[in-house]
Protein backbone atom coordinates (compact mmCIF):
# COMPACT_ATOMS: atom_id res chain seq x y z
CA MET A 1 100.09 97.48 113.79
CA GLY A 2 100.56 100.73 115.63
CA GLY A 3 103.90 102.45 115.50
CA VAL A 4 104.89 101.21 112.05
CA ARG A 5 105.43 104.71 110.64
CA ALA A 6 107.18 105.85 113.79
CA ALA A 7 109.46 102.80 113.70
CA HIS A 8 110.37 103.59 110.09
CA GLY A 9 111.20 107.16 111.03
CA ALA A 10 113.31 106.04 113.99
CA PHE A 11 115.14 103.55 111.78
CA VAL A 12 115.95 106.24 109.20
CA LEU A 13 117.16 108.61 111.90
CA ALA A 14 119.41 105.87 113.28
CA LEU A 15 120.82 105.26 109.79
CA LEU A 16 121.54 108.98 109.53
CA GLY A 17 123.66 108.79 112.66
CA TYR A 18 121.30 109.99 115.37
CA GLU A 19 122.14 108.06 118.52
CA ARG A 20 119.36 109.12 120.89
CA VAL A 21 116.28 107.96 118.99
CA CYS A 22 113.38 106.33 120.78
CA LEU A 23 109.68 105.71 120.30
CA TYR A 24 106.93 106.64 122.70
CA ASP A 25 104.66 103.59 122.96
CA ALA A 26 100.92 104.37 122.65
CA SER A 27 101.44 108.05 121.87
CA MET A 28 98.76 108.08 119.15
CA ALA A 29 96.31 106.27 121.43
CA GLU A 30 96.86 108.88 124.12
CA TRP A 31 96.47 111.68 121.57
CA ALA A 32 93.28 110.24 120.09
CA ASN A 33 91.67 109.64 123.47
CA ARG A 34 91.95 113.28 124.57
CA ASP A 35 89.02 115.60 123.96
CA ASP A 36 91.17 118.70 123.40
CA THR A 37 93.39 117.38 120.58
CA PRO A 38 92.48 117.43 116.89
CA LEU A 39 92.07 114.18 115.01
CA ALA A 40 91.16 113.88 111.35
CA LEU A 41 89.83 110.63 109.95
CA PRO A 42 90.26 109.69 106.27
């Protein structure tokens, strides 16, 4: 289920004409696993 919001954003950017749009796989997992990055839980 990861990347759904990012995929939506990339899709919208592509519709707007941006040609160099890509997603970074596992970026949130890397962010959340670091000790020096903030993470807020609902």
